[in-house]
Each structure stands twice: as C-alpha cells, then as structure tokens.
N, C-alpha and C. Protein backbone atom coordinates (compact mmCIF):
# COMPACT_ATOMS: atom_id res chain seq x y z
N MET A 1 132.92 142.52 12.40
CA MET A 1 132.30 142.95 11.18
C MET A 1 130.82 143.15 11.44
N ILE A 2 130.29 144.25 10.90
CA ILE A 2 128.87 144.55 11.08
C ILE A 2 128.16 144.27 9.77
N THR A 3 127.06 143.57 9.84
CA THR A 3 126.25 143.34 8.64
C THR A 3 124.90 144.00 8.84
N ILE A 4 124.42 144.56 7.77
CA ILE A 4 123.13 145.23 7.81
C ILE A 4 122.22 144.51 6.83
N SER A 5 121.05 144.23 7.31
CA SER A 5 120.10 143.53 6.45
C SER A 5 119.65 144.43 5.31
N GLY A 6 119.13 143.82 4.26
CA GLY A 6 118.63 144.56 3.11
C GLY A 6 117.50 145.50 3.49
N ARG A 7 116.66 145.07 4.41
CA ARG A 7 115.53 145.90 4.84
C ARG A 7 116.03 147.13 5.59
N ALA A 8 117.02 146.97 6.48
CA ALA A 8 117.58 148.09 7.23
C ALA A 8 118.24 149.08 6.28
N THR A 9 118.94 148.58 5.28
CA THR A 9 119.59 149.45 4.29
C THR A 9 118.53 150.27 3.54
N ALA A 10 117.45 149.64 3.16
CA ALA A 10 116.38 150.34 2.45
C ALA A 10 115.75 151.42 3.32
N LEU A 11 115.55 151.12 4.62
CA LEU A 11 114.96 152.12 5.52
C LEU A 11 115.90 153.31 5.71
N VAL A 12 117.19 153.05 5.88
CA VAL A 12 118.16 154.14 6.05
C VAL A 12 118.21 154.98 4.77
N SER A 13 118.24 154.34 3.61
CA SER A 13 118.28 155.06 2.33
C SER A 13 117.04 155.92 2.15
N ALA A 14 115.87 155.38 2.49
CA ALA A 14 114.63 156.13 2.37
C ALA A 14 114.63 157.34 3.30
N ALA A 15 115.14 157.17 4.52
CA ALA A 15 115.21 158.28 5.47
C ALA A 15 116.14 159.37 4.96
N LEU A 16 117.28 159.00 4.39
CA LEU A 16 118.21 159.99 3.84
C LEU A 16 117.59 160.74 2.67
N LEU A 17 116.93 160.01 1.79
CA LEU A 17 116.28 160.66 0.65
C LEU A 17 115.19 161.62 1.11
N ALA A 18 114.41 161.22 2.11
CA ALA A 18 113.35 162.08 2.62
C ALA A 18 113.93 163.33 3.27
N ALA A 19 115.05 163.16 3.97
CA ALA A 19 115.66 164.31 4.65
C ALA A 19 116.23 165.31 3.65
N THR A 20 116.67 164.85 2.50
CA THR A 20 117.24 165.76 1.50
C THR A 20 116.20 166.27 0.51
N GLY A 21 114.98 165.76 0.59
CA GLY A 21 113.92 166.22 -0.30
C GLY A 21 113.93 165.55 -1.65
N VAL A 22 114.72 164.51 -1.82
CA VAL A 22 114.77 163.81 -3.09
C VAL A 22 113.74 162.69 -3.06
N SER A 23 113.02 162.53 -4.13
CA SER A 23 112.06 161.44 -4.19
C SER A 23 112.47 160.47 -5.29
N VAL A 24 112.17 159.24 -5.06
CA VAL A 24 112.51 158.20 -6.02
C VAL A 24 111.29 157.90 -6.87
N GLY A 25 111.50 157.80 -8.18
CA GLY A 25 110.41 157.40 -9.06
C GLY A 25 109.50 158.54 -9.48
N THR A 26 109.78 159.79 -9.09
CA THR A 26 108.98 160.92 -9.53
C THR A 26 109.91 162.00 -10.07
N THR A 27 109.37 162.85 -10.87
CA THR A 27 110.14 163.96 -11.43
C THR A 27 109.89 165.19 -10.57
N ALA A 28 110.98 165.83 -10.14
CA ALA A 28 110.84 167.04 -9.33
C ALA A 28 110.31 168.16 -10.22
N GLN A 29 109.31 168.87 -9.75
CA GLN A 29 108.74 170.00 -10.47
C GLN A 29 109.44 171.28 -10.04
N ALA A 30 110.04 171.99 -10.99
CA ALA A 30 110.67 173.26 -10.68
C ALA A 30 109.59 174.31 -10.49
N ARG A 31 109.77 175.16 -9.52
CA ARG A 31 108.82 176.25 -9.29
C ARG A 31 108.93 177.23 -10.44
N PRO A 32 107.80 177.64 -11.03
CA PRO A 32 107.88 178.55 -12.18
C PRO A 32 108.52 179.88 -11.76
N ARG A 33 109.35 180.40 -12.63
CA ARG A 33 110.03 181.66 -12.38
C ARG A 33 109.12 182.80 -12.79
N THR A 34 109.08 183.85 -11.98
CA THR A 34 108.27 185.02 -12.30
C THR A 34 108.96 185.77 -13.43
N PRO A 35 108.26 186.06 -14.52
CA PRO A 35 108.91 186.70 -15.67
C PRO A 35 109.24 188.17 -15.41
N THR A 36 110.21 188.64 -16.16
CA THR A 36 110.58 190.06 -16.13
C THR A 36 109.45 190.88 -16.75
N CYS A 37 109.20 192.04 -16.20
CA CYS A 37 108.18 192.94 -16.75
C CYS A 37 108.62 193.45 -18.12
N HIS A 38 107.72 193.38 -19.07
CA HIS A 38 107.98 193.91 -20.41
C HIS A 38 107.26 195.24 -20.59
N VAL A 39 107.72 196.02 -21.53
CA VAL A 39 107.13 197.34 -21.77
C VAL A 39 105.62 197.26 -21.96
N ALA A 40 105.14 196.24 -22.67
CA ALA A 40 103.70 196.12 -22.92
C ALA A 40 102.90 195.90 -21.64
N GLN A 41 103.55 195.45 -20.57
CA GLN A 41 102.86 195.20 -19.30
C GLN A 41 102.89 196.41 -18.37
N LEU A 42 103.59 197.46 -18.77
CA LEU A 42 103.85 198.57 -17.86
C LEU A 42 103.28 199.88 -18.37
N HIS A 43 102.80 200.68 -17.44
CA HIS A 43 102.48 202.09 -17.71
C HIS A 43 103.50 202.90 -16.93
N LEU A 44 104.24 203.78 -17.61
CA LEU A 44 105.26 204.59 -16.95
C LEU A 44 104.80 206.03 -16.84
N SER A 45 105.12 206.64 -15.71
CA SER A 45 104.79 208.05 -15.49
C SER A 45 105.87 208.68 -14.61
N ILE A 46 105.93 210.00 -14.63
CA ILE A 46 106.91 210.76 -13.85
C ILE A 46 106.15 211.56 -12.80
N GLY A 47 106.63 211.52 -11.56
CA GLY A 47 106.01 212.26 -10.48
C GLY A 47 106.50 213.69 -10.40
N GLN A 48 105.84 214.49 -9.59
CA GLN A 48 106.21 215.88 -9.38
C GLN A 48 107.55 215.98 -8.67
N ALA A 49 108.21 217.10 -8.86
CA ALA A 49 109.53 217.33 -8.27
C ALA A 49 109.45 217.49 -6.76
N THR A 50 110.44 216.93 -6.09
CA THR A 50 110.66 217.20 -4.68
C THR A 50 112.11 217.65 -4.58
N GLY A 51 112.44 218.36 -3.54
CA GLY A 51 113.80 218.88 -3.44
C GLY A 51 114.36 218.75 -2.05
N GLY A 52 115.67 218.87 -1.98
CA GLY A 52 116.34 218.85 -0.70
C GLY A 52 117.84 218.90 -0.88
N ALA A 53 118.52 219.69 -0.05
CA ALA A 53 119.99 219.79 -0.04
C ALA A 53 120.57 220.08 -1.42
N GLY A 54 119.91 220.96 -2.17
CA GLY A 54 120.43 221.36 -3.48
C GLY A 54 120.11 220.39 -4.59
N SER A 55 119.33 219.35 -4.32
CA SER A 55 118.97 218.37 -5.34
C SER A 55 117.49 218.45 -5.67
N VAL A 56 117.16 218.00 -6.86
CA VAL A 56 115.77 217.89 -7.30
C VAL A 56 115.55 216.42 -7.67
N PHE A 57 114.46 215.84 -7.17
CA PHE A 57 114.16 214.43 -7.38
C PHE A 57 112.83 214.28 -8.11
N HIS A 58 112.79 213.35 -9.06
CA HIS A 58 111.57 212.97 -9.76
C HIS A 58 111.46 211.45 -9.68
N THR A 59 110.27 210.96 -9.43
CA THR A 59 110.05 209.52 -9.34
C THR A 59 109.49 209.00 -10.66
N ILE A 60 110.09 207.92 -11.14
CA ILE A 60 109.53 207.19 -12.28
C ILE A 60 108.67 206.08 -11.69
N ARG A 61 107.42 206.03 -12.09
CA ARG A 61 106.50 205.00 -11.59
C ARG A 61 106.31 203.96 -12.70
N PHE A 62 106.54 202.70 -12.36
CA PHE A 62 106.33 201.56 -13.26
C PHE A 62 105.09 200.81 -12.75
N THR A 63 103.95 200.99 -13.38
CA THR A 63 102.71 200.34 -12.94
C THR A 63 102.43 199.14 -13.83
N ASN A 64 102.21 198.00 -13.20
CA ASN A 64 101.90 196.76 -13.91
C ASN A 64 100.44 196.80 -14.33
N ILE A 65 100.20 196.89 -15.64
CA ILE A 65 98.83 196.95 -16.15
C ILE A 65 98.35 195.58 -16.66
N SER A 66 99.17 194.55 -16.47
CA SER A 66 98.78 193.20 -16.89
C SER A 66 98.02 192.49 -15.78
N GLN A 67 97.63 191.27 -16.05
CA GLN A 67 96.92 190.46 -15.06
C GLN A 67 97.85 189.51 -14.31
N HIS A 68 99.16 189.63 -14.56
CA HIS A 68 100.13 188.70 -13.97
C HIS A 68 101.26 189.45 -13.28
N THR A 69 101.75 188.89 -12.20
CA THR A 69 102.90 189.48 -11.50
C THR A 69 104.14 189.34 -12.39
N CYS A 70 104.96 190.37 -12.38
CA CYS A 70 106.24 190.35 -13.09
C CYS A 70 107.28 190.98 -12.18
N VAL A 71 108.56 190.89 -12.57
CA VAL A 71 109.62 191.43 -11.73
C VAL A 71 110.44 192.47 -12.48
N LEU A 72 110.96 193.42 -11.72
CA LEU A 72 111.93 194.39 -12.20
C LEU A 72 113.14 194.31 -11.28
N ARG A 73 114.34 194.36 -11.87
CA ARG A 73 115.56 194.31 -11.07
C ARG A 73 116.62 195.16 -11.76
N GLY A 74 117.14 196.12 -11.02
CA GLY A 74 118.24 196.92 -11.54
C GLY A 74 117.83 198.35 -11.85
N TYR A 75 118.61 198.94 -12.73
CA TYR A 75 118.46 200.34 -13.07
C TYR A 75 117.72 200.52 -14.40
N PRO A 76 116.81 201.48 -14.46
CA PRO A 76 116.25 201.82 -15.77
C PRO A 76 117.26 202.69 -16.52
N GLY A 77 117.17 202.66 -17.84
CA GLY A 77 117.93 203.60 -18.66
C GLY A 77 117.10 204.85 -18.81
N VAL A 78 117.71 206.02 -18.60
CA VAL A 78 116.96 207.28 -18.63
C VAL A 78 117.73 208.31 -19.45
N SER A 79 117.06 208.90 -20.43
CA SER A 79 117.64 209.95 -21.26
C SER A 79 116.64 211.08 -21.43
N LEU A 80 117.15 212.26 -21.63
CA LEU A 80 116.31 213.42 -21.93
C LEU A 80 116.30 213.63 -23.43
N LEU A 81 115.13 213.98 -23.98
CA LEU A 81 114.99 214.20 -25.42
C LEU A 81 114.36 215.55 -25.68
N ASN A 82 114.73 216.14 -26.81
CA ASN A 82 114.09 217.39 -27.22
C ASN A 82 112.82 217.08 -28.02
N ARG A 83 112.18 218.10 -28.54
CA ARG A 83 110.90 217.90 -29.24
C ARG A 83 111.05 217.09 -30.52
N HIS A 84 112.28 217.00 -31.06
CA HIS A 84 112.55 216.21 -32.26
C HIS A 84 113.00 214.79 -31.92
N HIS A 85 112.91 214.45 -30.65
CA HIS A 85 113.30 213.12 -30.13
C HIS A 85 114.81 212.88 -30.21
N HIS A 86 115.58 213.96 -30.24
CA HIS A 86 117.05 213.84 -30.18
C HIS A 86 117.48 213.92 -28.72
N GLN A 87 118.45 213.09 -28.39
CA GLN A 87 118.92 213.03 -27.00
C GLN A 87 119.66 214.31 -26.61
N ILE A 88 119.40 214.78 -25.39
CA ILE A 88 120.05 215.97 -24.85
C ILE A 88 121.11 215.50 -23.86
N GLY A 89 122.37 215.58 -24.25
CA GLY A 89 123.45 215.16 -23.36
C GLY A 89 123.49 213.66 -23.15
N ALA A 90 124.30 213.25 -22.20
CA ALA A 90 124.48 211.82 -21.88
C ALA A 90 123.29 211.30 -21.08
N PRO A 91 123.06 209.98 -21.14
CA PRO A 91 122.00 209.39 -20.31
C PRO A 91 122.34 209.54 -18.83
N ALA A 92 121.35 209.32 -18.00
CA ALA A 92 121.56 209.37 -16.54
C ALA A 92 122.57 208.30 -16.13
N THR A 93 123.43 208.66 -15.20
CA THR A 93 124.38 207.68 -14.65
C THR A 93 123.71 206.95 -13.49
N ARG A 94 124.28 205.82 -13.14
CA ARG A 94 123.73 205.02 -12.04
C ARG A 94 124.25 205.51 -10.71
N ASN A 95 123.33 205.87 -9.84
CA ASN A 95 123.68 206.27 -8.48
C ASN A 95 123.84 204.97 -7.68
N PRO A 96 125.04 204.67 -7.18
CA PRO A 96 125.25 203.35 -6.56
C PRO A 96 124.39 203.14 -5.32
N HIS A 97 123.49 202.19 -5.43
CA HIS A 97 122.60 201.78 -4.35
C HIS A 97 122.44 200.27 -4.45
N PRO A 98 122.05 199.61 -3.36
CA PRO A 98 121.79 198.17 -3.45
C PRO A 98 120.65 197.89 -4.43
N VAL A 99 120.82 196.82 -5.19
CA VAL A 99 119.81 196.40 -6.17
C VAL A 99 119.06 195.21 -5.60
N SER A 100 117.74 195.20 -5.77
CA SER A 100 116.94 194.07 -5.33
C SER A 100 115.91 193.74 -6.41
N THR A 101 115.37 192.55 -6.33
CA THR A 101 114.31 192.14 -7.25
C THR A 101 112.99 192.62 -6.68
N VAL A 102 112.22 193.33 -7.50
CA VAL A 102 110.94 193.87 -7.07
C VAL A 102 109.82 193.14 -7.81
N PHE A 103 108.95 192.49 -7.04
CA PHE A 103 107.78 191.83 -7.62
C PHE A 103 106.69 192.88 -7.78
N VAL A 104 106.23 193.06 -9.01
CA VAL A 104 105.21 194.06 -9.29
C VAL A 104 103.91 193.31 -9.61
N HIS A 105 103.02 193.32 -8.64
CA HIS A 105 101.74 192.62 -8.79
C HIS A 105 100.81 193.43 -9.70
N PRO A 106 99.80 192.79 -10.28
CA PRO A 106 98.88 193.52 -11.15
C PRO A 106 98.30 194.76 -10.45
N HIS A 107 98.33 195.87 -11.16
CA HIS A 107 97.79 197.15 -10.72
C HIS A 107 98.57 197.76 -9.55
N HIS A 108 99.78 197.30 -9.32
CA HIS A 108 100.69 197.88 -8.33
C HIS A 108 101.88 198.48 -9.06
N SER A 109 102.70 199.22 -8.33
CA SER A 109 103.81 199.95 -8.96
C SER A 109 105.13 199.71 -8.26
N ALA A 110 106.18 199.92 -9.02
CA ALA A 110 107.55 199.99 -8.51
C ALA A 110 108.06 201.37 -8.91
N PHE A 111 109.17 201.80 -8.28
CA PHE A 111 109.62 203.17 -8.47
C PHE A 111 111.14 203.25 -8.63
N ALA A 112 111.58 204.23 -9.40
CA ALA A 112 113.00 204.58 -9.48
C ALA A 112 113.06 206.10 -9.40
N THR A 113 114.13 206.63 -8.87
CA THR A 113 114.25 208.07 -8.66
C THR A 113 115.34 208.66 -9.54
N ILE A 114 114.99 209.76 -10.19
CA ILE A 114 115.96 210.56 -10.96
C ILE A 114 116.41 211.70 -10.05
N ARG A 115 117.72 211.98 -10.06
CA ARG A 115 118.23 213.10 -9.27
C ARG A 115 119.06 214.01 -10.16
N THR A 116 118.83 215.31 -10.01
CA THR A 116 119.67 216.32 -10.62
C THR A 116 119.84 217.43 -9.59
N ASN A 117 120.61 218.45 -9.93
CA ASN A 117 120.82 219.55 -9.00
C ASN A 117 119.86 220.69 -9.28
N ASN A 118 119.59 221.46 -8.24
CA ASN A 118 118.77 222.65 -8.36
C ASN A 118 119.56 223.67 -9.20
N PRO A 119 118.93 224.32 -10.18
CA PRO A 119 119.63 225.29 -11.02
C PRO A 119 120.27 226.43 -10.23
N SER A 120 119.74 226.75 -9.07
CA SER A 120 120.34 227.83 -8.27
C SER A 120 121.64 227.38 -7.61
N VAL A 121 121.88 226.09 -7.53
CA VAL A 121 123.10 225.55 -6.92
C VAL A 121 124.18 225.30 -7.97
N VAL A 122 123.78 224.74 -9.11
CA VAL A 122 124.71 224.42 -10.20
C VAL A 122 124.21 225.12 -11.46
N PRO A 123 124.92 226.13 -11.92
CA PRO A 123 124.42 226.91 -13.05
C PRO A 123 124.56 226.23 -14.41
N THR A 124 125.35 225.15 -14.52
CA THR A 124 125.48 224.47 -15.81
C THR A 124 124.34 223.49 -16.01
N CYS A 125 123.43 223.86 -16.90
CA CYS A 125 122.24 223.05 -17.13
C CYS A 125 122.12 222.70 -18.61
N ARG A 126 121.48 221.59 -18.87
CA ARG A 126 121.15 221.20 -20.23
C ARG A 126 119.87 221.94 -20.63
N PRO A 127 119.59 221.98 -21.92
CA PRO A 127 118.29 222.53 -22.31
C PRO A 127 117.16 221.69 -21.71
N THR A 128 116.03 222.30 -21.46
CA THR A 128 114.88 221.60 -20.89
C THR A 128 114.36 220.56 -21.89
N SER A 129 114.07 219.37 -21.37
CA SER A 129 113.59 218.29 -22.23
C SER A 129 112.12 218.49 -22.59
N THR A 130 111.70 217.80 -23.64
CA THR A 130 110.30 217.70 -23.99
C THR A 130 109.79 216.31 -23.64
N PHE A 131 110.70 215.33 -23.68
CA PHE A 131 110.38 213.94 -23.36
C PHE A 131 111.48 213.35 -22.48
N ILE A 132 111.10 212.33 -21.73
CA ILE A 132 112.07 211.50 -21.03
C ILE A 132 111.92 210.10 -21.62
N ARG A 133 113.03 209.53 -22.09
CA ARG A 133 113.03 208.16 -22.60
C ARG A 133 113.45 207.24 -21.46
N VAL A 134 112.64 206.22 -21.19
CA VAL A 134 112.94 205.28 -20.11
C VAL A 134 112.94 203.86 -20.67
N PHE A 135 114.04 203.17 -20.44
CA PHE A 135 114.14 201.74 -20.71
C PHE A 135 113.95 201.04 -19.37
N PRO A 136 112.87 200.28 -19.18
CA PRO A 136 112.77 199.52 -17.93
C PRO A 136 113.98 198.60 -17.78
N PRO A 137 114.35 198.23 -16.56
CA PRO A 137 115.48 197.32 -16.39
C PRO A 137 115.31 196.05 -17.23
N ALA A 138 116.41 195.60 -17.81
CA ALA A 138 116.47 194.37 -18.63
C ALA A 138 115.61 194.46 -19.89
N SER A 139 115.34 195.66 -20.38
CA SER A 139 114.51 195.83 -21.57
C SER A 139 115.29 196.54 -22.66
N PHE A 140 115.03 196.13 -23.90
CA PHE A 140 115.61 196.82 -25.05
C PHE A 140 114.58 197.73 -25.71
N GLN A 141 113.39 197.81 -25.13
CA GLN A 141 112.35 198.70 -25.61
C GLN A 141 112.19 199.85 -24.63
N SER A 142 111.93 201.02 -25.17
CA SER A 142 111.79 202.19 -24.30
C SER A 142 110.39 202.77 -24.40
N VAL A 143 110.13 203.67 -23.47
CA VAL A 143 108.87 204.41 -23.42
C VAL A 143 109.23 205.89 -23.42
N LEU A 144 108.55 206.67 -24.25
CA LEU A 144 108.73 208.12 -24.25
C LEU A 144 107.63 208.73 -23.39
N ILE A 145 108.05 209.49 -22.40
CA ILE A 145 107.10 210.14 -21.50
C ILE A 145 107.20 211.64 -21.73
N PRO A 146 106.12 212.30 -22.13
CA PRO A 146 106.18 213.75 -22.27
C PRO A 146 106.45 214.37 -20.90
N PHE A 147 107.56 215.10 -20.80
CA PHE A 147 107.90 215.69 -19.51
C PHE A 147 109.00 216.73 -19.71
N HIS A 148 108.84 217.88 -19.07
CA HIS A 148 109.84 218.95 -19.13
C HIS A 148 110.74 218.86 -17.91
N LEU A 149 112.00 218.52 -18.17
CA LEU A 149 112.98 218.41 -17.09
C LEU A 149 114.25 219.12 -17.49
N LYS A 150 114.75 219.94 -16.58
CA LYS A 150 116.02 220.62 -16.79
C LYS A 150 117.04 219.95 -15.88
N ALA A 151 118.00 219.26 -16.49
CA ALA A 151 119.06 218.59 -15.72
C ALA A 151 120.22 219.55 -15.55
N CYS A 152 120.58 219.79 -14.31
CA CYS A 152 121.69 220.68 -13.98
C CYS A 152 122.71 219.89 -13.15
N GLY A 153 123.97 220.01 -13.50
CA GLY A 153 124.99 219.27 -12.76
C GLY A 153 124.83 217.79 -12.96
N VAL A 154 124.60 217.06 -11.87
CA VAL A 154 124.47 215.60 -11.96
C VAL A 154 123.12 215.22 -12.58
N PHE A 155 123.11 214.08 -13.23
CA PHE A 155 121.89 213.49 -13.77
C PHE A 155 122.00 212.00 -13.49
N GLN A 156 121.35 211.56 -12.41
CA GLN A 156 121.51 210.19 -11.93
C GLN A 156 120.15 209.50 -11.80
N VAL A 157 120.22 208.17 -11.80
CA VAL A 157 119.02 207.36 -11.56
C VAL A 157 119.37 206.29 -10.53
N ASN A 158 118.42 206.01 -9.66
CA ASN A 158 118.56 204.94 -8.67
C ASN A 158 117.91 203.67 -9.21
N PRO A 159 118.26 202.51 -8.65
CA PRO A 159 117.61 201.27 -9.09
C PRO A 159 116.14 201.24 -8.69
N VAL A 160 115.40 200.38 -9.35
CA VAL A 160 113.98 200.21 -9.07
C VAL A 160 113.81 199.68 -7.64
N GLN A 161 112.81 200.22 -6.95
CA GLN A 161 112.49 199.83 -5.58
C GLN A 161 111.00 199.58 -5.46
N SER A 162 110.60 198.94 -4.38
CA SER A 162 109.18 198.68 -4.19
C SER A 162 108.45 199.87 -3.58
N THR A 163 109.17 200.79 -3.00
CA THR A 163 108.54 201.99 -2.41
C THR A 163 109.25 203.23 -2.93
N ARG A 164 108.60 204.36 -2.74
CA ARG A 164 109.20 205.63 -3.19
C ARG A 164 110.29 206.06 -2.26
C-alpha cells in the first residue's frame, strides 16, 4: 500500500491546477468579445465595375467609422431598388464561399463582392436600379446607397472578406 502525505497531495494538486490553467480562490476573467459591427458604425459604398469571363463585379466597402474594432461575419443582404425605393426582382443569392470572421479596425474596411452577368452575354436583365439596399451581416438595419446597377442573369453576393 502506498501512502502519500498531505503536503505531497497538495503539491500534486497545485501542479495539476497550474497545468490546466485553473486557479483556486480567484475568478477567471473572460476575454471580452469583439462586438458585431452595427450600421451606425459603418460607412458603406460601392466600387466601380470590373469584369471578366462574362461577369461584372462590384465591391461593397464596409468602412468602420467608429473608434472601436468590430466584426463582420457572413453575407450581406443585397437588393436593387428603383427611384421609389421599391425592390427590383429578388435579392442577391449567396455565392457559396468560405465564411470567416473579419475584424474591422477603426478607419479600416471589409469587402463583399456583387456579381452579375455582362448584358452582352445574358440578355435578360432587370431594370437599372437607382439604389442598392445593403444589410450588413447579422443586421436588421439597412443602408441605401445611390447606385445604378443593371443585374443581368445571375445576381449574387459573396461573404464579407478582409481584402478585395
């Protein structure tokens, strides 16, 4: 039979607690979670068109105008609106891509890309928009951006990314 002294037991217990990061007699402090970016913290804008392989791409820029870092994760909601703010056709569908959490530091930006087809490739087009309505990911508030966009064929959006 093996007996262990009280002191040896205390030393072994302390070593195990130290190895697992648990402390006795103190409260563990949880690391604060970075909040999701809210519409009031963001300035949204649409970039100029780029094209390739029959597609037209526009970048949505989400610029953090607050003094605190916030995060965006997932897909923005994107719809085209006419001058009366009525929606033109269905909202953009999600183009399947990996989703990641993007930390948007003050005065920095995150990006999402809208894709549609070139009108010369796909002749079925919606009327040209006057505005684009964008819901940032995880937001129930939208931003109206004055912008003329003609969606032809597909109308897709990619998830928010840290680079264009």
